[in-house]
All heavy atoms as atom14 arrays in JSON, in Angstrom:
{
  "sequence": "LGAILIAIEFFDGSLIFFLPFGSAALINSSILFAQNKVWIGGILSGWG",
  "atom14_mask": [
    [1, 1, 1, 1, 1, 1, 1, 1, 0, 0, 0, 0, 0, 0],
    [1, 1, 1, 1, 0, 0, 0, 0, 0, 0, 0, 0, 0, 0],
    [1, 1, 1, 1, 1, 0, 0, 0, 0, 0, 0, 0, 0, 0],
    [1, 1, 1, 1, 1, 1, 1, 1, 0, 0, 0, 0, 0, 0],
    [1, 1, 1, 1, 1, 1, 1, 1, 0, 0, 0, 0, 0, 0],
    [1, 1, 1, 1, 1, 1, 1, 1, 0, 0, 0, 0, 0, 0],
    [1, 1, 1, 1, 1, 0, 0, 0, 0, 0, 0, 0, 0, 0],
    [1, 1, 1, 1, 1, 1, 1, 1, 0, 0, 0, 0, 0, 0],
    [1, 1, 1, 1, 1, 1, 1, 1, 1, 0, 0, 0, 0, 0],
    [1, 1, 1, 1, 1, 1, 1, 1, 1, 1, 1, 0, 0, 0],
    [1, 1, 1, 1, 1, 1, 1, 1, 1, 1, 1, 0, 0, 0],
    [1, 1, 1, 1, 1, 1, 1, 1, 0, 0, 0, 0, 0, 0],
    [1, 1, 1, 1, 0, 0, 0, 0, 0, 0, 0, 0, 0, 0],
    [1, 1, 1, 1, 1, 1, 0, 0, 0, 0, 0, 0, 0, 0],
    [1, 1, 1, 1, 1, 1, 1, 1, 0, 0, 0, 0, 0, 0],
    [1, 1, 1, 1, 1, 1, 1, 1, 0, 0, 0, 0, 0, 0],
    [1, 1, 1, 1, 1, 1, 1, 1, 1, 1, 1, 0, 0, 0],
    [1, 1, 1, 1, 1, 1, 1, 1, 1, 1, 1, 0, 0, 0],
    [1, 1, 1, 1, 1, 1, 1, 1, 0, 0, 0, 0, 0, 0],
    [1, 1, 1, 1, 1, 1, 1, 0, 0, 0, 0, 0, 0, 0],
    [1, 1, 1, 1, 1, 1, 1, 1, 1, 1, 1, 0, 0, 0],
    [1, 1, 1, 1, 0, 0, 0, 0, 0, 0, 0, 0, 0, 0],
    [1, 1, 1, 1, 1, 1, 0, 0, 0, 0, 0, 0, 0, 0],
    [1, 1, 1, 1, 1, 0, 0, 0, 0, 0, 0, 0, 0, 0],
    [1, 1, 1, 1, 1, 0, 0, 0, 0, 0, 0, 0, 0, 0],
    [1, 1, 1, 1, 1, 1, 1, 1, 0, 0, 0, 0, 0, 0],
    [1, 1, 1, 1, 1, 1, 1, 1, 0, 0, 0, 0, 0, 0],
    [1, 1, 1, 1, 1, 1, 1, 1, 0, 0, 0, 0, 0, 0],
    [1, 1, 1, 1, 1, 1, 0, 0, 0, 0, 0, 0, 0, 0],
    [1, 1, 1, 1, 1, 1, 0, 0, 0, 0, 0, 0, 0, 0],
    [1, 1, 1, 1, 1, 1, 1, 1, 0, 0, 0, 0, 0, 0],
    [1, 1, 1, 1, 1, 1, 1, 1, 0, 0, 0, 0, 0, 0],
    [1, 1, 1, 1, 1, 1, 1, 1, 1, 1, 1, 0, 0, 0],
    [1, 1, 1, 1, 1, 0, 0, 0, 0, 0, 0, 0, 0, 0],
    [1, 1, 1, 1, 1, 1, 1, 1, 1, 0, 0, 0, 0, 0],
    [1, 1, 1, 1, 1, 1, 1, 1, 0, 0, 0, 0, 0, 0],
    [1, 1, 1, 1, 1, 1, 1, 1, 1, 0, 0, 0, 0, 0],
    [1, 1, 1, 1, 1, 1, 1, 0, 0, 0, 0, 0, 0, 0],
    [1, 1, 1, 1, 1, 1, 1, 1, 1, 1, 1, 1, 1, 1],
    [1, 1, 1, 1, 1, 1, 1, 1, 0, 0, 0, 0, 0, 0],
    [1, 1, 1, 1, 0, 0, 0, 0, 0, 0, 0, 0, 0, 0],
    [1, 1, 1, 1, 0, 0, 0, 0, 0, 0, 0, 0, 0, 0],
    [1, 1, 1, 1, 1, 1, 1, 1, 0, 0, 0, 0, 0, 0],
    [1, 1, 1, 1, 1, 1, 1, 1, 0, 0, 0, 0, 0, 0],
    [1, 1, 1, 1, 1, 1, 0, 0, 0, 0, 0, 0, 0, 0],
    [1, 1, 1, 1, 0, 0, 0, 0, 0, 0, 0, 0, 0, 0],
    [1, 1, 1, 1, 1, 1, 1, 1, 1, 1, 1, 1, 1, 1],
    [1, 1, 1, 1, 0, 0, 0, 0, 0, 0, 0, 0, 0, 0]
  ],
  "atom14_positions": [
    [[0.83, -1.21, 0.0], [0.0, 0.0, 0.0], [0.87, 1.26, 0.0], [0.59, 2.22, -0.74], [-0.93, 0.0, 1.21], [-1.87, 1.2, 1.32], [-2.87, 1.19, 0.18], [-2.57, 1.19, 2.66], [0.0, 0.0, 0.0], [0.0, 0.0, 0.0], [0.0, 0.0, 0.0], [0.0, 0.0, 0.0], [0.0, 0.0, 0.0], [0.0, 0.0, 0.0]],
    [[1.93, 1.26, 0.8], [2.83, 2.42, 0.83], [3.52, 2.63, -0.5], [3.63, 3.77, -0.97], [0.0, 0.0, 0.0], [0.0, 0.0, 0.0], [0.0, 0.0, 0.0], [0.0, 0.0, 0.0], [0.0, 0.0, 0.0], [0.0, 0.0, 0.0], [0.0, 0.0, 0.0], [0.0, 0.0, 0.0], [0.0, 0.0, 0.0], [0.0, 0.0, 0.0]],
    [[3.97, 1.56, -1.14], [4.62, 1.69, -2.45], [3.65, 2.2, -3.5], [4.02, 3.05, -4.33], [5.2, 0.34, -2.87], [0.0, 0.0, 0.0], [0.0, 0.0, 0.0], [0.0, 0.0, 0.0], [0.0, 0.0, 0.0], [0.0, 0.0, 0.0], [0.0, 0.0, 0.0], [0.0, 0.0, 0.0], [0.0, 0.0, 0.0], [0.0, 0.0, 0.0]],
    [[2.42, 1.74, -3.47], [1.41, 2.2, -4.43], [1.1, 3.68, -4.22], [1.04, 4.46, -5.18], [0.13, 1.35, -4.33], [0.4, -0.05, -4.89], [-1.03, 1.99, -5.06], [-0.73, -1.04, -4.64], [0.0, 0.0, 0.0], [0.0, 0.0, 0.0], [0.0, 0.0, 0.0], [0.0, 0.0, 0.0], [0.0, 0.0, 0.0], [0.0, 0.0, 0.0]],
    [[0.92, 4.09, -2.97], [0.6, 5.5, -2.69], [1.75, 6.43, -3.06], [1.53, 7.52, -3.6], [0.22, 5.68, -1.22], [-1.13, 5.11, -0.81], [-1.32, 5.21, 0.68], [-2.26, 5.8, -1.55], [0.0, 0.0, 0.0], [0.0, 0.0, 0.0], [0.0, 0.0, 0.0], [0.0, 0.0, 0.0], [0.0, 0.0, 0.0], [0.0, 0.0, 0.0]],
    [[2.98, 6.02, -2.81], [4.13, 6.85, -3.18], [4.29, 6.89, -4.7], [4.64, 7.94, -5.26], [5.39, 6.37, -2.46], [5.25, 6.68, -0.96], [6.65, 7.02, -3.02], [6.36, 6.14, -0.1], [0.0, 0.0, 0.0], [0.0, 0.0, 0.0], [0.0, 0.0, 0.0], [0.0, 0.0, 0.0], [0.0, 0.0, 0.0], [0.0, 0.0, 0.0]],
    [[4.0, 5.79, -5.38], [4.05, 5.79, -6.84], [2.99, 6.72, -7.43], [3.24, 7.42, -8.42], [3.88, 4.37, -7.37], [0.0, 0.0, 0.0], [0.0, 0.0, 0.0], [0.0, 0.0, 0.0], [0.0, 0.0, 0.0], [0.0, 0.0, 0.0], [0.0, 0.0, 0.0], [0.0, 0.0, 0.0], [0.0, 0.0, 0.0], [0.0, 0.0, 0.0]],
    [[1.81, 6.75, -6.83], [0.76, 7.66, -7.29], [1.19, 9.11, -7.08], [0.87, 9.99, -7.89], [-0.57, 7.36, -6.57], [-1.12, 6.02, -7.04], [-1.6, 8.46, -6.81], [-2.33, 5.54, -6.26], [0.0, 0.0, 0.0], [0.0, 0.0, 0.0], [0.0, 0.0, 0.0], [0.0, 0.0, 0.0], [0.0, 0.0, 0.0], [0.0, 0.0, 0.0]],
    [[1.95, 9.36, -6.03], [2.43, 10.72, -5.75], [3.32, 11.25, -6.87], [3.33, 12.45, -7.14], [3.17, 10.75, -4.42], [3.72, 12.11, -4.03], [2.65, 13.16, -3.86], [1.57, 12.84, -3.34], [2.89, 14.3, -4.27], [0.0, 0.0, 0.0], [0.0, 0.0, 0.0], [0.0, 0.0, 0.0], [0.0, 0.0, 0.0], [0.0, 0.0, 0.0]],
    [[4.06, 10.38, -7.53], [4.9, 10.81, -8.64], [4.07, 11.41, -9.77], [4.5, 12.32, -10.46], [5.74, 9.66, -9.19], [6.9, 9.29, -8.32], [7.03, 8.01, -7.83], [7.86, 10.23, -7.98], [8.09, 7.66, -7.02], [8.93, 9.9, -7.18], [9.04, 8.61, -6.71], [0.0, 0.0, 0.0], [0.0, 0.0, 0.0], [0.0, 0.0, 0.0]],
    [[2.85, 10.91, -9.95], [1.98, 11.43, -11.0], [1.15, 12.61, -10.53], [0.77, 13.47, -11.32], [1.06, 10.32, -11.52], [1.81, 9.19, -12.15], [1.89, 7.96, -11.52], [2.45, 9.36, -13.36], [2.58, 6.92, -12.09], [3.15, 8.32, -13.95], [3.22, 7.1, -13.32], [0.0, 0.0, 0.0], [0.0, 0.0, 0.0], [0.0, 0.0, 0.0]],
    [[0.84, 12.66, -9.24], [-0.01, 13.73, -8.69], [0.82, 14.97, -8.34], [0.51, 16.07, -8.78], [-0.76, 13.2, -7.48], [-1.7, 14.21, -6.87], [-2.23, 15.04, -7.63], [-1.9, 14.18, -5.65], [0.0, 0.0, 0.0], [0.0, 0.0, 0.0], [0.0, 0.0, 0.0], [0.0, 0.0, 0.0], [0.0, 0.0, 0.0], [0.0, 0.0, 0.0]],
    [[1.83, 14.81, -7.52], [2.73, 15.9, -7.16], [2.19, 16.92, -6.19], [2.72, 18.01, -6.07], [0.0, 0.0, 0.0], [0.0, 0.0, 0.0], [0.0, 0.0, 0.0], [0.0, 0.0, 0.0], [0.0, 0.0, 0.0], [0.0, 0.0, 0.0], [0.0, 0.0, 0.0], [0.0, 0.0, 0.0], [0.0, 0.0, 0.0], [0.0, 0.0, 0.0]],
    [[1.13, 16.61, -5.46], [0.53, 17.61, -4.58], [1.15, 17.64, -3.19], [1.03, 18.63, -2.5], [-0.97, 17.34, -4.44], [-1.18, 16.1, -3.79], [0.0, 0.0, 0.0], [0.0, 0.0, 0.0], [0.0, 0.0, 0.0], [0.0, 0.0, 0.0], [0.0, 0.0, 0.0], [0.0, 0.0, 0.0], [0.0, 0.0, 0.0], [0.0, 0.0, 0.0]],
    [[1.79, 16.58, -2.76], [2.41, 16.44, -1.44], [1.4, 16.56, -0.3], [1.77, 16.8, 0.84], [3.52, 17.47, -1.22], [4.73, 17.39, -2.1], [5.66, 18.55, -1.81], [5.46, 16.08, -1.91], [0.0, 0.0, 0.0], [0.0, 0.0, 0.0], [0.0, 0.0, 0.0], [0.0, 0.0, 0.0], [0.0, 0.0, 0.0], [0.0, 0.0, 0.0]],
    [[0.12, 16.4, -0.58], [-0.89, 16.58, 0.46], [-1.41, 15.24, 0.98], [-1.53, 15.05, 2.18], [-2.06, 17.43, -0.05], [-1.58, 18.83, -0.33], [-3.21, 17.45, 0.93], [-2.62, 19.7, -0.97], [0.0, 0.0, 0.0], [0.0, 0.0, 0.0], [0.0, 0.0, 0.0], [0.0, 0.0, 0.0], [0.0, 0.0, 0.0], [0.0, 0.0, 0.0]],
    [[-1.69, 14.3, 0.1], [-2.33, 13.07, 0.54], [-1.47, 11.83, 0.32], [-1.22, 11.08, 1.25], [-3.68, 12.89, -0.15], [-4.4, 11.65, 0.28], [-5.02, 11.61, 1.51], [-4.43, 10.53, -0.52], [-5.68, 10.46, 1.93], [-5.08, 9.38, -0.12], [-5.71, 9.35, 1.11], [0.0, 0.0, 0.0], [0.0, 0.0, 0.0], [0.0, 0.0, 0.0]],
    [[-1.05, 11.6, -0.89], [-0.44, 10.32, -1.23], [0.93, 10.1, -0.6], [1.2, 9.02, -0.09], [-0.36, 10.16, -2.75], [-1.7, 10.11, -3.41], [-2.12, 11.12, -4.25], [-2.56, 9.05, -3.17], [-3.36, 11.08, -4.84], [-3.81, 9.0, -3.76], [-4.22, 10.02, -4.61], [0.0, 0.0, 0.0], [0.0, 0.0, 0.0], [0.0, 0.0, 0.0]],
    [[1.8, 11.1, -0.61], [3.13, 10.93, -0.02], [3.07, 10.76, 1.5], [3.69, 9.84, 2.03], [4.05, 12.09, -0.39], [5.47, 12.0, 0.12], [6.17, 10.8, -0.5], [6.23, 13.27, -0.19], [0.0, 0.0, 0.0], [0.0, 0.0, 0.0], [0.0, 0.0, 0.0], [0.0, 0.0, 0.0], [0.0, 0.0, 0.0], [0.0, 0.0, 0.0]],
    [[2.33, 11.59, 2.23], [2.28, 11.39, 3.69], [1.66, 10.05, 4.09], [2.17, 9.37, 4.97], [1.42, 12.55, 4.19], [1.5, 13.57, 3.15], [1.68, 12.85, 1.86], [0.0, 0.0, 0.0], [0.0, 0.0, 0.0], [0.0, 0.0, 0.0], [0.0, 0.0, 0.0], [0.0, 0.0, 0.0], [0.0, 0.0, 0.0], [0.0, 0.0, 0.0]],
    [[0.58, 9.66, 3.44], [-0.06, 8.41, 3.83], [0.69, 7.2, 3.29], [0.64, 6.12, 3.88], [-1.54, 8.41, 3.43], [-2.36, 9.24, 4.37], [-2.66, 10.55, 4.08], [-2.77, 8.72, 5.57], [-3.38, 11.33, 4.96], [-3.5, 9.48, 6.47], [-3.8, 10.79, 6.16], [0.0, 0.0, 0.0], [0.0, 0.0, 0.0], [0.0, 0.0, 0.0]],
    [[1.41, 7.35, 2.19], [2.3, 6.28, 1.74], [3.45, 6.09, 2.71], [3.82, 4.95, 3.04], [0.0, 0.0, 0.0], [0.0, 0.0, 0.0], [0.0, 0.0, 0.0], [0.0, 0.0, 0.0], [0.0, 0.0, 0.0], [0.0, 0.0, 0.0], [0.0, 0.0, 0.0], [0.0, 0.0, 0.0], [0.0, 0.0, 0.0], [0.0, 0.0, 0.0]],
    [[4.0, 7.19, 3.2], [5.07, 7.11, 4.2], [4.56, 6.52, 5.51], [5.25, 5.73, 6.16], [5.67, 8.49, 4.45], [6.16, 9.04, 3.26], [0.0, 0.0, 0.0], [0.0, 0.0, 0.0], [0.0, 0.0, 0.0], [0.0, 0.0, 0.0], [0.0, 0.0, 0.0], [0.0, 0.0, 0.0], [0.0, 0.0, 0.0], [0.0, 0.0, 0.0]],
    [[3.35, 6.91, 5.89], [2.75, 6.36, 7.11], [2.49, 4.86, 6.96], [2.67, 4.11, 7.92], [1.45, 7.09, 7.42], [0.0, 0.0, 0.0], [0.0, 0.0, 0.0], [0.0, 0.0, 0.0], [0.0, 0.0, 0.0], [0.0, 0.0, 0.0], [0.0, 0.0, 0.0], [0.0, 0.0, 0.0], [0.0, 0.0, 0.0], [0.0, 0.0, 0.0]],
    [[2.12, 4.42, 5.78], [1.92, 2.98, 5.55], [3.26, 2.24, 5.66], [3.3, 1.12, 6.19], [1.29, 2.74, 4.18], [0.0, 0.0, 0.0], [0.0, 0.0, 0.0], [0.0, 0.0, 0.0], [0.0, 0.0, 0.0], [0.0, 0.0, 0.0], [0.0, 0.0, 0.0], [0.0, 0.0, 0.0], [0.0, 0.0, 0.0], [0.0, 0.0, 0.0]],
    [[4.33, 2.86, 5.19], [5.65, 2.23, 5.33], [6.09, 2.18, 6.79], [6.73, 1.22, 7.22], [6.68, 2.97, 4.48], [6.49, 2.87, 2.97], [7.55, 3.69, 2.25], [6.51, 1.44, 2.51], [0.0, 0.0, 0.0], [0.0, 0.0, 0.0], [0.0, 0.0, 0.0], [0.0, 0.0, 0.0], [0.0, 0.0, 0.0], [0.0, 0.0, 0.0]],
    [[5.74, 3.2, 7.57], [6.03, 3.19, 9.0], [5.24, 2.08, 9.69], [5.78, 1.34, 10.52], [5.72, 4.57, 9.63], [6.73, 5.6, 9.14], [5.7, 4.5, 11.16], [6.4, 7.03, 9.52], [0.0, 0.0, 0.0], [0.0, 0.0, 0.0], [0.0, 0.0, 0.0], [0.0, 0.0, 0.0], [0.0, 0.0, 0.0], [0.0, 0.0, 0.0]],
    [[3.95, 1.93, 9.32], [3.15, 0.83, 9.87], [3.77, -0.52, 9.52], [3.81, -1.42, 10.35], [1.73, 0.88, 9.32], [0.79, 1.64, 10.21], [1.18, 2.13, 11.26], [-0.46, 1.74, 9.79], [0.0, 0.0, 0.0], [0.0, 0.0, 0.0], [0.0, 0.0, 0.0], [0.0, 0.0, 0.0], [0.0, 0.0, 0.0], [0.0, 0.0, 0.0]],
    [[4.23, -0.65, 8.29], [4.85, -1.89, 7.85], [6.09, -2.21, 8.68], [6.29, -3.36, 9.11], [5.22, -1.81, 6.38], [5.91, -2.95, 5.97], [0.0, 0.0, 0.0], [0.0, 0.0, 0.0], [0.0, 0.0, 0.0], [0.0, 0.0, 0.0], [0.0, 0.0, 0.0], [0.0, 0.0, 0.0], [0.0, 0.0, 0.0], [0.0, 0.0, 0.0]],
    [[6.91, -1.2, 8.93], [8.13, -1.45, 9.71], [7.81, -1.78, 11.16], [8.47, -2.63, 11.77], [9.08, -0.26, 9.6], [8.5, 0.89, 10.14], [0.0, 0.0, 0.0], [0.0, 0.0, 0.0], [0.0, 0.0, 0.0], [0.0, 0.0, 0.0], [0.0, 0.0, 0.0], [0.0, 0.0, 0.0], [0.0, 0.0, 0.0], [0.0, 0.0, 0.0]],
    [[6.8, -1.13, 11.73], [6.41, -1.44, 13.11], [5.88, -2.87, 13.2], [6.24, -3.62, 14.1], [5.36, -0.43, 13.63], [6.0, 0.95, 13.82], [4.74, -0.91, 14.93], [5.0, 2.04, 14.15], [0.0, 0.0, 0.0], [0.0, 0.0, 0.0], [0.0, 0.0, 0.0], [0.0, 0.0, 0.0], [0.0, 0.0, 0.0], [0.0, 0.0, 0.0]],
    [[5.02, -3.25, 12.25], [4.47, -4.61, 12.27], [5.55, -5.65, 12.02], [5.52, -6.74, 12.6], [3.35, -4.74, 11.24], [2.05, -4.04, 11.62], [1.1, -4.02, 10.43], [1.4, -4.69, 12.82], [0.0, 0.0, 0.0], [0.0, 0.0, 0.0], [0.0, 0.0, 0.0], [0.0, 0.0, 0.0], [0.0, 0.0, 0.0], [0.0, 0.0, 0.0]],
    [[6.52, -5.36, 11.16], [7.61, -6.28, 10.91], [8.44, -6.48, 12.18], [8.78, -7.61, 12.54], [8.5, -5.77, 9.77], [9.65, -6.68, 9.46], [9.46, -7.84, 8.75], [10.93, -6.36, 9.87], [10.5, -8.69, 8.46], [12.0, -7.19, 9.6], [11.78, -8.36, 8.89], [0.0, 0.0, 0.0], [0.0, 0.0, 0.0], [0.0, 0.0, 0.0]],
    [[8.77, -5.38, 12.86], [9.54, -5.47, 14.1], [8.75, -6.19, 15.19], [9.31, -6.93, 16.0], [9.94, -4.08, 14.58], [0.0, 0.0, 0.0], [0.0, 0.0, 0.0], [0.0, 0.0, 0.0], [0.0, 0.0, 0.0], [0.0, 0.0, 0.0], [0.0, 0.0, 0.0], [0.0, 0.0, 0.0], [0.0, 0.0, 0.0], [0.0, 0.0, 0.0]],
    [[7.45, -6.0, 15.18], [6.59, -6.67, 16.15], [6.55, -8.18, 15.89], [6.58, -8.98, 16.82], [5.17, -6.11, 16.01], [4.42, -5.94, 17.27], [3.15, -5.19, 17.02], [3.13, -3.99, 17.14], [2.1, -5.89, 16.66], [0.0, 0.0, 0.0], [0.0, 0.0, 0.0], [0.0, 0.0, 0.0], [0.0, 0.0, 0.0], [0.0, 0.0, 0.0]],
    [[6.5, -8.58, 14.63], [6.47, -10.0, 14.28], [7.8, -10.68, 14.59], [7.82, -11.88, 14.89], [6.12, -10.2, 12.81], [4.67, -9.9, 12.53], [3.86, -9.81, 13.44], [4.34, -9.74, 11.27], [0.0, 0.0, 0.0], [0.0, 0.0, 0.0], [0.0, 0.0, 0.0], [0.0, 0.0, 0.0], [0.0, 0.0, 0.0], [0.0, 0.0, 0.0]],
    [[8.89, -9.93, 14.51], [10.21, -10.5, 14.82], [10.53, -10.4, 16.32], [11.63, -10.71, 16.73], [11.31, -9.77, 14.03], [11.21, -9.95, 12.55], [11.5, -11.37, 12.16], [11.45, -11.51, 10.65], [11.67, -12.86, 10.22], [0.0, 0.0, 0.0], [0.0, 0.0, 0.0], [0.0, 0.0, 0.0], [0.0, 0.0, 0.0], [0.0, 0.0, 0.0]],
    [[9.59, -9.9, 17.1], [9.68, -9.75, 18.55], [10.84, -8.82, 18.94], [11.52, -9.03, 19.93], [9.77, -11.12, 19.27], [9.55, -10.96, 20.76], [8.78, -12.1, 18.7], [0.0, 0.0, 0.0], [0.0, 0.0, 0.0], [0.0, 0.0, 0.0], [0.0, 0.0, 0.0], [0.0, 0.0, 0.0], [0.0, 0.0, 0.0], [0.0, 0.0, 0.0]],
    [[11.08, -7.81, 18.13], [12.07, -6.8, 18.48], [11.46, -5.75, 19.39], [12.14, -5.16, 20.22], [12.63, -6.12, 17.24], [13.43, -7.04, 16.36], [14.04, -8.19, 16.72], [13.7, -6.87, 14.98], [14.66, -8.76, 15.65], [14.48, -7.97, 14.56], [13.36, -5.91, 14.04], [14.92, -8.13, 13.27], [13.8, -6.06, 12.75], [14.57, -7.16, 12.37]],
    [[10.17, -5.49, 19.2], [9.45, -4.54, 20.05], [8.17, -5.21, 20.53], [7.74, -6.22, 19.98], [9.12, -3.22, 19.31], [8.27, -3.46, 18.08], [10.38, -2.47, 18.97], [7.8, -2.21, 17.39], [0.0, 0.0, 0.0], [0.0, 0.0, 0.0], [0.0, 0.0, 0.0], [0.0, 0.0, 0.0], [0.0, 0.0, 0.0], [0.0, 0.0, 0.0]],
    [[7.54, -4.62, 21.53], [6.31, -5.16, 22.08], [5.13, -4.93, 21.16], [5.25, -4.38, 20.08], [0.0, 0.0, 0.0], [0.0, 0.0, 0.0], [0.0, 0.0, 0.0], [0.0, 0.0, 0.0], [0.0, 0.0, 0.0], [0.0, 0.0, 0.0], [0.0, 0.0, 0.0], [0.0, 0.0, 0.0], [0.0, 0.0, 0.0], [0.0, 0.0, 0.0]],
    [[3.97, -5.32, 21.61], [2.75, -5.22, 20.81], [2.18, -3.83, 20.76], [1.21, -3.52, 21.46], [0.0, 0.0, 0.0], [0.0, 0.0, 0.0], [0.0, 0.0, 0.0], [0.0, 0.0, 0.0], [0.0, 0.0, 0.0], [0.0, 0.0, 0.0], [0.0, 0.0, 0.0], [0.0, 0.0, 0.0], [0.0, 0.0, 0.0], [0.0, 0.0, 0.0]],
    [[2.75, -2.97, 19.95], [2.24, -1.6, 19.82], [0.94, -1.61, 19.03], [-0.05, -0.99, 19.42], [3.29, -0.7, 19.13], [4.54, -0.6, 19.98], [2.72, 0.68, 18.84], [5.69, 0.1, 19.31], [0.0, 0.0, 0.0], [0.0, 0.0, 0.0], [0.0, 0.0, 0.0], [0.0, 0.0, 0.0], [0.0, 0.0, 0.0], [0.0, 0.0, 0.0]],
    [[0.95, -2.29, 17.89], [-0.23, -2.37, 17.04], [-0.85, -3.75, 17.23], [-0.58, -4.68, 16.49], [0.15, -2.13, 15.58], [0.84, -0.8, 15.28], [1.25, -0.73, 13.83], [-0.04, 0.37, 15.64], [0.0, 0.0, 0.0], [0.0, 0.0, 0.0], [0.0, 0.0, 0.0], [0.0, 0.0, 0.0], [0.0, 0.0, 0.0], [0.0, 0.0, 0.0]],
    [[-1.7, -3.88, 18.23], [-2.22, -5.2, 18.57], [-3.51, -5.55, 17.83], [-3.85, -6.72, 17.73], [-2.46, -5.29, 20.07], [-3.35, -4.29, 20.48], [0.0, 0.0, 0.0], [0.0, 0.0, 0.0], [0.0, 0.0, 0.0], [0.0, 0.0, 0.0], [0.0, 0.0, 0.0], [0.0, 0.0, 0.0], [0.0, 0.0, 0.0], [0.0, 0.0, 0.0]],
    [[-4.2, -4.59, 17.31], [-5.45, -4.85, 16.59], [-5.5, -4.07, 15.3], [-4.72, -3.16, 15.07], [0.0, 0.0, 0.0], [0.0, 0.0, 0.0], [0.0, 0.0, 0.0], [0.0, 0.0, 0.0], [0.0, 0.0, 0.0], [0.0, 0.0, 0.0], [0.0, 0.0, 0.0], [0.0, 0.0, 0.0], [0.0, 0.0, 0.0], [0.0, 0.0, 0.0]],
    [[-6.45, -4.46, 14.43], [-6.53, -3.77, 13.15], [-6.98, -2.32, 13.31], [-6.62, -1.47, 12.5], [-7.42, -4.53, 12.17], [-8.86, -4.68, 12.59], [-9.41, -5.7, 13.28], [-9.92, -3.77, 12.32], [-10.74, -5.49, 13.48], [-11.09, -4.31, 12.88], [-10.01, -2.55, 11.66], [-12.32, -3.68, 12.8], [-11.23, -1.92, 11.57], [-12.37, -2.48, 12.15]],
    [[-7.71, -2.02, 14.36], [-8.09, -0.63, 14.62], [-6.89, 0.23, 14.96], [-6.8, 1.4, 14.58], [0.0, 0.0, 0.0], [0.0, 0.0, 0.0], [0.0, 0.0, 0.0], [0.0, 0.0, 0.0], [0.0, 0.0, 0.0], [0.0, 0.0, 0.0], [0.0, 0.0, 0.0], [0.0, 0.0, 0.0], [0.0, 0.0, 0.0], [0.0, 0.0, 0.0]]
  ]
}
């Protein structure tokens, strides 16, 4: 999702929606990856 949103930003160029939320999706991905590898505790424990 982050890669798709950042790729859409290349065509849009507004810096308002796609780049920030694509970056936020990449941050979520890294947090969940670290959580699955038990490097950090359960920060994101539910889909909400």
